[in-house]
Each structure stands twice: as C-alpha cells, then as structure tokens.
ModelCIF file with pLDDT and N, C-alpha, C, O atoms, coordinates in Angstrom:
data_MODEL
#
_entry.id   MODEL 
#
_entity.id                         1 
_entity.type                       polymer 
_entity.pdbx_number_of_molecules   1 
#
_entity_poly.entity_id                      1 
_entity_poly.type                           'polypeptide(L)' 
_entity_poly.nstd_linkage                   no 
_entity_poly.nstd_monomer                   no 
_entity_poly.pdbx_seq_one_letter_code       WPCVLIAESDQNKTRTILPVAEGGLGMQAQWADDFHHALHTLLTGE 
_entity_poly.pdbx_seq_one_letter_code_can   WPCVLIAESDQNKTRTILPVAEGGLGMQAQWADDFHHALHTLLTGE 
_entity_poly.pdbx_strand_id                 A 
#
loop_
_entity_poly_seq.entity_id 
_entity_poly_seq.num 
_entity_poly_seq.mon_id 
_entity_poly_seq.hetero 
1 1  TRP n 
1 2  PRO n 
1 3  CYS n 
1 4  VAL n 
1 5  LEU n 
1 6  ILE n 
1 7  ALA n 
1 8  GLU n 
1 9  SER n 
1 10 ASP n 
1 11 GLN n 
1 12 ASN n 
1 13 LYS n 
1 14 THR n 
1 15 ARG n 
1 16 THR n 
1 17 ILE n 
1 18 LEU n 
1 19 PRO n 
1 20 VAL n 
1 21 ALA n 
1 22 GLU n 
1 23 GLY n 
1 24 GLY n 
1 25 LEU n 
1 26 GLY n 
1 27 MET n 
1 28 GLN n 
1 29 ALA n 
1 30 GLN n 
1 31 TRP n 
1 32 ALA n 
1 33 ASP n 
1 34 ASP n 
1 35 PHE n 
1 36 HIS n 
1 37 HIS n 
1 38 ALA n 
1 39 LEU n 
1 40 HIS n 
1 41 THR n 
1 42 LEU n 
1 43 LEU n 
1 44 THR n 
1 45 GLY n 
1 46 GLU n 
#
_struct_asym.id          A 
_struct_asym.entity_id   1 
#
loop_
_ma_qa_metric.id 
_ma_qa_metric.mode 
_ma_qa_metric.name 
_ma_qa_metric.software_group_id 
_ma_qa_metric.type 
1 global pLDDT . pLDDT 
2 local  pLDDT . pLDDT 
#
_ma_qa_metric_global.metric_id      1 
_ma_qa_metric_global.metric_value   96.41 
_ma_qa_metric_global.model_id       1 
_ma_qa_metric_global.ordinal_id     1 
#
loop_
_ma_qa_metric_local.label_asym_id 
_ma_qa_metric_local.label_comp_id 
_ma_qa_metric_local.label_seq_id 
_ma_qa_metric_local.metric_id 
_ma_qa_metric_local.metric_value 
_ma_qa_metric_local.model_id 
_ma_qa_metric_local.ordinal_id 
A TRP 1  2 93.00 1 1  
A PRO 2  2 94.00 1 2  
A CYS 3  2 97.00 1 3  
A VAL 4  2 98.00 1 4  
A LEU 5  2 98.00 1 5  
A ILE 6  2 98.00 1 6  
A ALA 7  2 98.00 1 7  
A GLU 8  2 97.00 1 8  
A SER 9  2 93.00 1 9  
A ASP 10 2 92.00 1 10 
A GLN 11 2 94.00 1 11 
A ASN 12 2 96.00 1 12 
A LYS 13 2 96.00 1 13 
A THR 14 2 96.00 1 14 
A ARG 15 2 96.00 1 15 
A THR 16 2 97.00 1 16 
A ILE 17 2 97.00 1 17 
A LEU 18 2 96.00 1 18 
A PRO 19 2 95.00 1 19 
A VAL 20 2 93.00 1 20 
A ALA 21 2 92.00 1 21 
A GLU 22 2 93.00 1 22 
A GLY 23 2 93.00 1 23 
A GLY 24 2 96.00 1 24 
A LEU 25 2 97.00 1 25 
A GLY 26 2 97.00 1 26 
A MET 27 2 97.00 1 27 
A GLN 28 2 98.00 1 28 
A ALA 29 2 98.00 1 29 
A GLN 30 2 98.00 1 30 
A TRP 31 2 97.00 1 31 
A ALA 32 2 97.00 1 32 
A ASP 33 2 97.00 1 33 
A ASP 34 2 98.00 1 34 
A PHE 35 2 98.00 1 35 
A HIS 36 2 98.00 1 36 
A HIS 37 2 98.00 1 37 
A ALA 38 2 98.00 1 38 
A LEU 39 2 98.00 1 39 
A HIS 40 2 98.00 1 40 
A THR 41 2 98.00 1 41 
A LEU 42 2 98.00 1 42 
A LEU 43 2 98.00 1 43 
A THR 44 2 98.00 1 44 
A GLY 45 2 97.00 1 45 
A GLU 46 2 96.00 1 46 
#
loop_
_atom_site.group_PDB 
_atom_site.id 
_atom_site.type_symbol 
_atom_site.label_atom_id 
_atom_site.label_alt_id 
_atom_site.label_comp_id 
_atom_site.label_asym_id 
_atom_site.label_entity_id 
_atom_site.label_seq_id 
_atom_site.pdbx_PDB_ins_code 
_atom_site.Cartn_x 
_atom_site.Cartn_y 
_atom_site.Cartn_z 
_atom_site.occupancy 
_atom_site.B_iso_or_equiv 
_atom_site.pdbx_formal_charge 
_atom_site.auth_seq_id 
_atom_site.auth_comp_id 
_atom_site.auth_asym_id 
_atom_site.auth_atom_id 
_atom_site.pdbx_PDB_model_num 
ATOM 1   N N  . TRP A 1 1  ? -9.129  19.032  10.132 1.00 93.00 ? 1  TRP A N  1 
ATOM 2   C CA . TRP A 1 1  ? -7.639  19.281  10.276 1.00 93.00 ? 1  TRP A CA 1 
ATOM 3   C C  . TRP A 1 1  ? -8.211  17.487  9.389  1.00 93.00 ? 1  TRP A C  1 
ATOM 4   O O  . TRP A 1 1  ? -9.121  16.678  9.205  1.00 93.00 ? 1  TRP A O  1 
ATOM 5   N N  . PRO A 1 2  ? -7.040  17.788  9.183  1.00 94.00 ? 2  PRO A N  1 
ATOM 6   C CA . PRO A 1 2  ? -7.037  15.980  7.827  1.00 94.00 ? 2  PRO A CA 1 
ATOM 7   C C  . PRO A 1 2  ? -6.297  14.955  9.467  1.00 94.00 ? 2  PRO A C  1 
ATOM 8   O O  . PRO A 1 2  ? -5.433  15.126  10.326 1.00 94.00 ? 2  PRO A O  1 
ATOM 9   N N  . CYS A 1 3  ? -7.461  13.783  9.039  1.00 97.00 ? 3  CYS A N  1 
ATOM 10  C CA . CYS A 1 3  ? -6.881  12.943  10.210 1.00 97.00 ? 3  CYS A CA 1 
ATOM 11  C C  . CYS A 1 3  ? -6.104  11.139  8.751  1.00 97.00 ? 3  CYS A C  1 
ATOM 12  O O  . CYS A 1 3  ? -6.853  10.253  8.339  1.00 97.00 ? 3  CYS A O  1 
ATOM 13  N N  . VAL A 1 4  ? -5.210  11.201  8.553  1.00 98.00 ? 4  VAL A N  1 
ATOM 14  C CA . VAL A 1 4  ? -5.377  10.201  7.574  1.00 98.00 ? 4  VAL A CA 1 
ATOM 15  C C  . VAL A 1 4  ? -4.918  8.492   7.987  1.00 98.00 ? 4  VAL A C  1 
ATOM 16  O O  . VAL A 1 4  ? -4.398  8.248   9.076  1.00 98.00 ? 4  VAL A O  1 
ATOM 17  N N  . LEU A 1 5  ? -5.148  7.589   7.135  1.00 98.00 ? 5  LEU A N  1 
ATOM 18  C CA . LEU A 1 5  ? -5.393  6.531   7.208  1.00 98.00 ? 5  LEU A CA 1 
ATOM 19  C C  . LEU A 1 5  ? -4.728  6.401   6.149  1.00 98.00 ? 5  LEU A C  1 
ATOM 20  O O  . LEU A 1 5  ? -4.882  6.901   5.035  1.00 98.00 ? 5  LEU A O  1 
ATOM 21  N N  . ILE A 1 6  ? -3.358  5.122   6.887  1.00 98.00 ? 6  ILE A N  1 
ATOM 22  C CA . ILE A 1 6  ? -2.456  4.105   6.451  1.00 98.00 ? 6  ILE A CA 1 
ATOM 23  C C  . ILE A 1 6  ? -2.643  2.945   6.994  1.00 98.00 ? 6  ILE A C  1 
ATOM 24  O O  . ILE A 1 6  ? -2.520  2.574   8.161  1.00 98.00 ? 6  ILE A O  1 
ATOM 25  N N  . ALA A 1 7  ? -3.165  2.024   5.388  1.00 98.00 ? 7  ALA A N  1 
ATOM 26  C CA . ALA A 1 7  ? -2.622  0.989   5.431  1.00 98.00 ? 7  ALA A CA 1 
ATOM 27  C C  . ALA A 1 7  ? -1.190  0.414   5.070  1.00 98.00 ? 7  ALA A C  1 
ATOM 28  O O  . ALA A 1 7  ? -0.209  0.859   4.474  1.00 98.00 ? 7  ALA A O  1 
ATOM 29  N N  . GLU A 1 8  ? -1.582  -1.027  5.830  1.00 97.00 ? 8  GLU A N  1 
ATOM 30  C CA . GLU A 1 8  ? -0.154  -2.548  5.936  1.00 97.00 ? 8  GLU A CA 1 
ATOM 31  C C  . GLU A 1 8  ? -0.921  -3.383  5.333  1.00 97.00 ? 8  GLU A C  1 
ATOM 32  O O  . GLU A 1 8  ? -1.984  -3.925  5.639  1.00 97.00 ? 8  GLU A O  1 
ATOM 33  N N  . SER A 1 9  ? -0.260  -3.418  4.454  1.00 93.00 ? 9  SER A N  1 
ATOM 34  C CA . SER A 1 9  ? -1.818  -4.596  3.864  1.00 93.00 ? 9  SER A CA 1 
ATOM 35  C C  . SER A 1 9  ? -0.041  -5.273  2.569  1.00 93.00 ? 9  SER A C  1 
ATOM 36  O O  . SER A 1 9  ? 0.899   -4.618  2.120  1.00 93.00 ? 9  SER A O  1 
ATOM 37  N N  . ASP A 1 10 ? -0.369  -6.676  2.452  1.00 92.00 ? 10 ASP A N  1 
ATOM 38  C CA . ASP A 1 10 ? 0.971   -7.154  1.468  1.00 92.00 ? 10 ASP A CA 1 
ATOM 39  C C  . ASP A 1 10 ? 0.058   -7.850  0.517  1.00 92.00 ? 10 ASP A C  1 
ATOM 40  O O  . ASP A 1 10 ? 0.615   -8.468  -0.390 1.00 92.00 ? 10 ASP A O  1 
ATOM 41  N N  . GLN A 1 11 ? -2.016  -7.868  0.587  1.00 94.00 ? 11 GLN A N  1 
ATOM 42  C CA . GLN A 1 11 ? -1.926  -7.624  -1.428 1.00 94.00 ? 11 GLN A CA 1 
ATOM 43  C C  . GLN A 1 11 ? -1.757  -7.925  -2.029 1.00 94.00 ? 11 GLN A C  1 
ATOM 44  O O  . GLN A 1 11 ? -1.905  -9.046  -2.516 1.00 94.00 ? 11 GLN A O  1 
ATOM 45  N N  . ASN A 1 12 ? -1.109  -6.540  -2.485 1.00 96.00 ? 12 ASN A N  1 
ATOM 46  C CA . ASN A 1 12 ? -1.184  -5.280  -3.200 1.00 96.00 ? 12 ASN A CA 1 
ATOM 47  C C  . ASN A 1 12 ? -2.956  -5.128  -3.961 1.00 96.00 ? 12 ASN A C  1 
ATOM 48  O O  . ASN A 1 12 ? -3.468  -5.064  -5.079 1.00 96.00 ? 12 ASN A O  1 
ATOM 49  N N  . LYS A 1 13 ? -3.288  -5.128  -2.798 1.00 96.00 ? 13 LYS A N  1 
ATOM 50  C CA . LYS A 1 13 ? -4.726  -4.738  -3.523 1.00 96.00 ? 13 LYS A CA 1 
ATOM 51  C C  . LYS A 1 13 ? -5.242  -2.801  -3.676 1.00 96.00 ? 13 LYS A C  1 
ATOM 52  O O  . LYS A 1 13 ? -5.260  -1.986  -2.754 1.00 96.00 ? 13 LYS A O  1 
ATOM 53  N N  . THR A 1 14 ? -5.533  -2.605  -4.866 1.00 96.00 ? 14 THR A N  1 
ATOM 54  C CA . THR A 1 14 ? -5.955  -1.160  -4.997 1.00 96.00 ? 14 THR A CA 1 
ATOM 55  C C  . THR A 1 14 ? -7.036  -0.698  -3.905 1.00 96.00 ? 14 THR A C  1 
ATOM 56  O O  . THR A 1 14 ? -7.122  0.349   -3.264 1.00 96.00 ? 14 THR A O  1 
ATOM 57  N N  . ARG A 1 15 ? -7.823  -1.841  -3.921 1.00 96.00 ? 15 ARG A N  1 
ATOM 58  C CA . ARG A 1 15 ? -9.555  -1.437  -3.556 1.00 96.00 ? 15 ARG A CA 1 
ATOM 59  C C  . ARG A 1 15 ? -9.389  -0.538  -2.101 1.00 96.00 ? 15 ARG A C  1 
ATOM 60  O O  . ARG A 1 15 ? -10.224 0.192   -1.566 1.00 96.00 ? 15 ARG A O  1 
ATOM 61  N N  . THR A 1 16 ? -7.962  -0.876  -1.660 1.00 97.00 ? 16 THR A N  1 
ATOM 62  C CA . THR A 1 16 ? -8.123  -0.699  0.248  1.00 97.00 ? 16 THR A CA 1 
ATOM 63  C C  . THR A 1 16 ? -7.571  1.024   -0.244 1.00 97.00 ? 16 THR A C  1 
ATOM 64  O O  . THR A 1 16 ? -8.222  1.782   0.475  1.00 97.00 ? 16 THR A O  1 
ATOM 65  N N  . ILE A 1 17 ? -7.057  1.486   -0.758 1.00 97.00 ? 17 ILE A N  1 
ATOM 66  C CA . ILE A 1 17 ? -6.769  2.828   -0.959 1.00 97.00 ? 17 ILE A CA 1 
ATOM 67  C C  . ILE A 1 17 ? -8.115  3.956   -2.154 1.00 97.00 ? 17 ILE A C  1 
ATOM 68  O O  . ILE A 1 17 ? -8.359  5.106   -1.789 1.00 97.00 ? 17 ILE A O  1 
ATOM 69  N N  . LEU A 1 18 ? -8.617  3.538   -3.117 1.00 96.00 ? 18 LEU A N  1 
ATOM 70  C CA . LEU A 1 18 ? -9.410  3.579   -3.754 1.00 96.00 ? 18 LEU A CA 1 
ATOM 71  C C  . LEU A 1 18 ? -10.904 4.517   -2.849 1.00 96.00 ? 18 LEU A C  1 
ATOM 72  O O  . LEU A 1 18 ? -11.799 4.073   -2.129 1.00 96.00 ? 18 LEU A O  1 
ATOM 73  N N  . PRO A 1 19 ? -10.661 5.609   -3.215 1.00 95.00 ? 19 PRO A N  1 
ATOM 74  C CA . PRO A 1 19 ? -12.708 6.077   -2.868 1.00 95.00 ? 19 PRO A CA 1 
ATOM 75  C C  . PRO A 1 19 ? -12.859 5.515   -2.859 1.00 95.00 ? 19 PRO A C  1 
ATOM 76  O O  . PRO A 1 19 ? -12.444 4.564   -3.519 1.00 95.00 ? 19 PRO A O  1 
ATOM 77  N N  . VAL A 1 20 ? -14.054 5.632   -1.624 1.00 93.00 ? 20 VAL A N  1 
ATOM 78  C CA . VAL A 1 20 ? -15.785 4.387   -1.396 1.00 93.00 ? 20 VAL A CA 1 
ATOM 79  C C  . VAL A 1 20 ? -16.540 4.597   -2.696 1.00 93.00 ? 20 VAL A C  1 
ATOM 80  O O  . VAL A 1 20 ? -16.961 3.626   -3.323 1.00 93.00 ? 20 VAL A O  1 
ATOM 81  N N  . ALA A 1 21 ? -16.689 5.629   -3.044 1.00 92.00 ? 21 ALA A N  1 
ATOM 82  C CA . ALA A 1 21 ? -17.639 5.634   -4.051 1.00 92.00 ? 21 ALA A CA 1 
ATOM 83  C C  . ALA A 1 21 ? -16.563 5.425   -4.754 1.00 92.00 ? 21 ALA A C  1 
ATOM 84  O O  . ALA A 1 21 ? -16.135 6.575   -4.858 1.00 92.00 ? 21 ALA A O  1 
ATOM 85  N N  . GLU A 1 22 ? -15.800 4.729   -5.330 1.00 93.00 ? 22 GLU A N  1 
ATOM 86  C CA . GLU A 1 22 ? -15.592 3.619   -6.354 1.00 93.00 ? 22 GLU A CA 1 
ATOM 87  C C  . GLU A 1 22 ? -15.237 1.950   -6.329 1.00 93.00 ? 22 GLU A C  1 
ATOM 88  O O  . GLU A 1 22 ? -14.612 1.180   -7.058 1.00 93.00 ? 22 GLU A O  1 
ATOM 89  N N  . GLY A 1 23 ? -16.163 1.832   -4.795 1.00 93.00 ? 23 GLY A N  1 
ATOM 90  C CA . GLY A 1 23 ? -15.648 0.361   -4.271 1.00 93.00 ? 23 GLY A CA 1 
ATOM 91  C C  . GLY A 1 23 ? -14.942 -0.060  -3.510 1.00 93.00 ? 23 GLY A C  1 
ATOM 92  O O  . GLY A 1 23 ? -15.011 -1.251  -3.205 1.00 93.00 ? 23 GLY A O  1 
ATOM 93  N N  . GLY A 1 24 ? -13.988 0.818   -2.927 1.00 96.00 ? 24 GLY A N  1 
ATOM 94  C CA . GLY A 1 24 ? -13.023 0.979   -2.123 1.00 96.00 ? 24 GLY A CA 1 
ATOM 95  C C  . GLY A 1 24 ? -13.437 1.351   -0.858 1.00 96.00 ? 24 GLY A C  1 
ATOM 96  O O  . GLY A 1 24 ? -14.464 1.897   -0.454 1.00 96.00 ? 24 GLY A O  1 
ATOM 97  N N  . LEU A 1 25 ? -12.252 0.871   -0.210 1.00 97.00 ? 25 LEU A N  1 
ATOM 98  C CA . LEU A 1 25 ? -12.260 1.110   1.563  1.00 97.00 ? 25 LEU A CA 1 
ATOM 99  C C  . LEU A 1 25 ? -11.608 2.873   2.143  1.00 97.00 ? 25 LEU A C  1 
ATOM 100 O O  . LEU A 1 25 ? -11.671 3.361   3.272  1.00 97.00 ? 25 LEU A O  1 
ATOM 101 N N  . GLY A 1 26 ? -11.112 3.373   1.065  1.00 97.00 ? 26 GLY A N  1 
ATOM 102 C CA . GLY A 1 26 ? -11.013 4.564   1.307  1.00 97.00 ? 26 GLY A CA 1 
ATOM 103 C C  . GLY A 1 26 ? -9.788  4.916   2.354  1.00 97.00 ? 26 GLY A C  1 
ATOM 104 O O  . GLY A 1 26 ? -9.835  5.650   3.341  1.00 97.00 ? 26 GLY A O  1 
ATOM 105 N N  . MET A 1 27 ? -8.992  4.376   1.978  1.00 97.00 ? 27 MET A N  1 
ATOM 106 C CA . MET A 1 27 ? -7.547  4.807   3.343  1.00 97.00 ? 27 MET A CA 1 
ATOM 107 C C  . MET A 1 27 ? -6.835  5.650   2.153  1.00 97.00 ? 27 MET A C  1 
ATOM 108 O O  . MET A 1 27 ? -6.508  5.440   0.985  1.00 97.00 ? 27 MET A O  1 
ATOM 109 N N  . GLN A 1 28 ? -6.779  6.645   3.021  1.00 98.00 ? 28 GLN A N  1 
ATOM 110 C CA . GLN A 1 28 ? -5.533  7.309   2.383  1.00 98.00 ? 28 GLN A CA 1 
ATOM 111 C C  . GLN A 1 28 ? -3.876  6.956   1.193  1.00 98.00 ? 28 GLN A C  1 
ATOM 112 O O  . GLN A 1 28 ? -3.528  7.236   0.046  1.00 98.00 ? 28 GLN A O  1 
ATOM 113 N N  . ALA A 1 29 ? -3.285  6.171   2.435  1.00 98.00 ? 29 ALA A N  1 
ATOM 114 C CA . ALA A 1 29 ? -2.433  5.168   1.446  1.00 98.00 ? 29 ALA A CA 1 
ATOM 115 C C  . ALA A 1 29 ? -1.738  3.959   2.070  1.00 98.00 ? 29 ALA A C  1 
ATOM 116 O O  . ALA A 1 29 ? -1.761  3.675   3.267  1.00 98.00 ? 29 ALA A O  1 
ATOM 117 N N  . GLN A 1 30 ? -1.128  3.297   1.115  1.00 98.00 ? 30 GLN A N  1 
ATOM 118 C CA . GLN A 1 30 ? -0.836  1.614   2.247  1.00 98.00 ? 30 GLN A CA 1 
ATOM 119 C C  . GLN A 1 30 ? 0.726   1.905   2.047  1.00 98.00 ? 30 GLN A C  1 
ATOM 120 O O  . GLN A 1 30 ? 1.211   2.731   1.274  1.00 98.00 ? 30 GLN A O  1 
ATOM 121 N N  . TRP A 1 31 ? 1.319   1.155   2.803  1.00 97.00 ? 31 TRP A N  1 
ATOM 122 C CA . TRP A 1 31 ? 2.239   0.606   1.922  1.00 97.00 ? 31 TRP A CA 1 
ATOM 123 C C  . TRP A 1 31 ? 2.545   -0.331  1.050  1.00 97.00 ? 31 TRP A C  1 
ATOM 124 O O  . TRP A 1 31 ? 1.876   -1.341  1.269  1.00 97.00 ? 31 TRP A O  1 
ATOM 125 N N  . ALA A 1 32 ? 3.251   -0.438  0.172  1.00 97.00 ? 32 ALA A N  1 
ATOM 126 C CA . ALA A 1 32 ? 3.536   -0.743  -0.853 1.00 97.00 ? 32 ALA A CA 1 
ATOM 127 C C  . ALA A 1 32 ? 5.049   -1.795  -0.652 1.00 97.00 ? 32 ALA A C  1 
ATOM 128 O O  . ALA A 1 32 ? 6.175   -1.315  -0.783 1.00 97.00 ? 32 ALA A O  1 
ATOM 129 N N  . ASP A 1 33 ? 4.873   -2.823  -0.419 1.00 97.00 ? 33 ASP A N  1 
ATOM 130 C CA . ASP A 1 33 ? 6.528   -3.650  0.329  1.00 97.00 ? 33 ASP A CA 1 
ATOM 131 C C  . ASP A 1 33 ? 7.117   -4.175  -1.153 1.00 97.00 ? 33 ASP A C  1 
ATOM 132 O O  . ASP A 1 33 ? 8.319   -4.077  -1.403 1.00 97.00 ? 33 ASP A O  1 
ATOM 133 N N  . ASP A 1 34 ? 6.148   -4.751  -2.125 1.00 98.00 ? 34 ASP A N  1 
ATOM 134 C CA . ASP A 1 34 ? 7.430   -4.985  -3.605 1.00 98.00 ? 34 ASP A CA 1 
ATOM 135 C C  . ASP A 1 34 ? 8.460   -3.898  -3.571 1.00 98.00 ? 34 ASP A C  1 
ATOM 136 O O  . ASP A 1 34 ? 9.515   -4.519  -3.444 1.00 98.00 ? 34 ASP A O  1 
ATOM 137 N N  . PHE A 1 35 ? 8.774   -2.463  -3.619 1.00 98.00 ? 35 PHE A N  1 
ATOM 138 C CA . PHE A 1 35 ? 9.351   -1.889  -3.888 1.00 98.00 ? 35 PHE A CA 1 
ATOM 139 C C  . PHE A 1 35 ? 10.376  -2.009  -2.756 1.00 98.00 ? 35 PHE A C  1 
ATOM 140 O O  . PHE A 1 35 ? 11.445  -1.546  -3.155 1.00 98.00 ? 35 PHE A O  1 
ATOM 141 N N  . HIS A 1 36 ? 10.467  -2.491  -1.391 1.00 98.00 ? 36 HIS A N  1 
ATOM 142 C CA . HIS A 1 36 ? 11.036  -3.494  -0.408 1.00 98.00 ? 36 HIS A CA 1 
ATOM 143 C C  . HIS A 1 36 ? 11.581  -4.490  -0.772 1.00 98.00 ? 36 HIS A C  1 
ATOM 144 O O  . HIS A 1 36 ? 12.472  -5.089  -0.170 1.00 98.00 ? 36 HIS A O  1 
ATOM 145 N N  . HIS A 1 37 ? 11.187  -4.716  -1.608 1.00 98.00 ? 37 HIS A N  1 
ATOM 146 C CA . HIS A 1 37 ? 11.749  -6.347  -1.850 1.00 98.00 ? 37 HIS A CA 1 
ATOM 147 C C  . HIS A 1 37 ? 12.651  -6.812  -2.886 1.00 98.00 ? 37 HIS A C  1 
ATOM 148 O O  . HIS A 1 37 ? 13.503  -7.698  -2.946 1.00 98.00 ? 37 HIS A O  1 
ATOM 149 N N  . ALA A 1 38 ? 11.947  -5.454  -4.125 1.00 98.00 ? 38 ALA A N  1 
ATOM 150 C CA . ALA A 1 38 ? 12.842  -5.162  -5.332 1.00 98.00 ? 38 ALA A CA 1 
ATOM 151 C C  . ALA A 1 38 ? 14.185  -4.788  -4.875 1.00 98.00 ? 38 ALA A C  1 
ATOM 152 O O  . ALA A 1 38 ? 15.026  -5.672  -4.717 1.00 98.00 ? 38 ALA A O  1 
ATOM 153 N N  . LEU A 1 39 ? 14.502  -3.371  -4.615 1.00 98.00 ? 39 LEU A N  1 
ATOM 154 C CA . LEU A 1 39 ? 14.978  -3.136  -4.094 1.00 98.00 ? 39 LEU A CA 1 
ATOM 155 C C  . LEU A 1 39 ? 16.390  -4.150  -2.967 1.00 98.00 ? 39 LEU A C  1 
ATOM 156 O O  . LEU A 1 39 ? 17.573  -4.069  -3.299 1.00 98.00 ? 39 LEU A O  1 
ATOM 157 N N  . HIS A 1 40 ? 16.068  -4.784  -2.039 1.00 98.00 ? 40 HIS A N  1 
ATOM 158 C CA . HIS A 1 40 ? 16.838  -5.360  -1.180 1.00 98.00 ? 40 HIS A CA 1 
ATOM 159 C C  . HIS A 1 40 ? 18.216  -6.527  -1.806 1.00 98.00 ? 40 HIS A C  1 
ATOM 160 O O  . HIS A 1 40 ? 19.433  -6.657  -1.673 1.00 98.00 ? 40 HIS A O  1 
ATOM 161 N N  . THR A 1 41 ? 16.679  -7.415  -2.773 1.00 98.00 ? 41 THR A N  1 
ATOM 162 C CA . THR A 1 41 ? 17.238  -8.596  -3.834 1.00 98.00 ? 41 THR A CA 1 
ATOM 163 C C  . THR A 1 41 ? 18.552  -7.973  -4.478 1.00 98.00 ? 41 THR A C  1 
ATOM 164 O O  . THR A 1 41 ? 19.678  -8.402  -4.730 1.00 98.00 ? 41 THR A O  1 
ATOM 165 N N  . LEU A 1 42 ? 17.835  -6.669  -4.640 1.00 98.00 ? 42 LEU A N  1 
ATOM 166 C CA . LEU A 1 42 ? 19.486  -6.491  -5.540 1.00 98.00 ? 42 LEU A CA 1 
ATOM 167 C C  . LEU A 1 42 ? 20.797  -5.746  -5.070 1.00 98.00 ? 42 LEU A C  1 
ATOM 168 O O  . LEU A 1 42 ? 21.695  -5.205  -5.715 1.00 98.00 ? 42 LEU A O  1 
ATOM 169 N N  . LEU A 1 43 ? 20.498  -5.980  -3.127 1.00 98.00 ? 43 LEU A N  1 
ATOM 170 C CA . LEU A 1 43 ? 21.079  -4.913  -2.610 1.00 98.00 ? 43 LEU A CA 1 
ATOM 171 C C  . LEU A 1 43 ? 22.274  -6.410  -2.213 1.00 98.00 ? 43 LEU A C  1 
ATOM 172 O O  . LEU A 1 43 ? 23.469  -6.546  -2.473 1.00 98.00 ? 43 LEU A O  1 
ATOM 173 N N  . THR A 1 44 ? 21.285  -7.337  -1.496 1.00 98.00 ? 44 THR A N  1 
ATOM 174 C CA . THR A 1 44 ? 21.813  -8.479  -0.961 1.00 98.00 ? 44 THR A CA 1 
ATOM 175 C C  . THR A 1 44 ? 22.137  -9.407  -1.811 1.00 98.00 ? 44 THR A C  1 
ATOM 176 O O  . THR A 1 44 ? 23.038  -10.088 -1.323 1.00 98.00 ? 44 THR A O  1 
ATOM 177 N N  . GLY A 1 45 ? 21.722  -9.900  -3.250 1.00 97.00 ? 45 GLY A N  1 
ATOM 178 C CA . GLY A 1 45 ? 21.610  -11.216 -3.406 1.00 97.00 ? 45 GLY A CA 1 
ATOM 179 C C  . GLY A 1 45 ? 20.704  -12.112 -2.894 1.00 97.00 ? 45 GLY A C  1 
ATOM 180 O O  . GLY A 1 45 ? 20.532  -13.189 -3.464 1.00 97.00 ? 45 GLY A O  1 
ATOM 181 N N  . GLU A 1 46 ? 20.008  -11.774 -1.747 1.00 96.00 ? 46 GLU A N  1 
ATOM 182 C CA . GLU A 1 46 ? 18.317  -12.978 -0.993 1.00 96.00 ? 46 GLU A CA 1 
ATOM 183 C C  . GLU A 1 46 ? 17.890  -13.043 -2.169 1.00 96.00 ? 46 GLU A C  1 
ATOM 184 O O  . GLU A 1 46 ? 16.852  -13.658 -2.416 1.00 96.00 ? 46 GLU A O  1 
#
C-alpha cells in the first residue's frame, strides 16, 4: 500500500518533491505557505 511523505518547509525548494532520479529528495508533497500568506494578507490587511 502507498506510504506518503509530506514535507513542511519554508524554503520554496522544488528539490524537496522532485524524484531522486532527477536529483530531488523524493517527497510526494510539501506544504506551500505562500498561498496562505497571499490569501491571509488580502483578507486581513496584515
């Protein structure tokens, strides 16, 4: 059965999720904080 690895990282580094064969670290997914920050500032003005 699948075993998924999801990375939390604030580096905006695509290497985290690229396949190992392509020089990546091989995670299946990662958090993307920029989406939250862009949305939050528009909603709150902070």
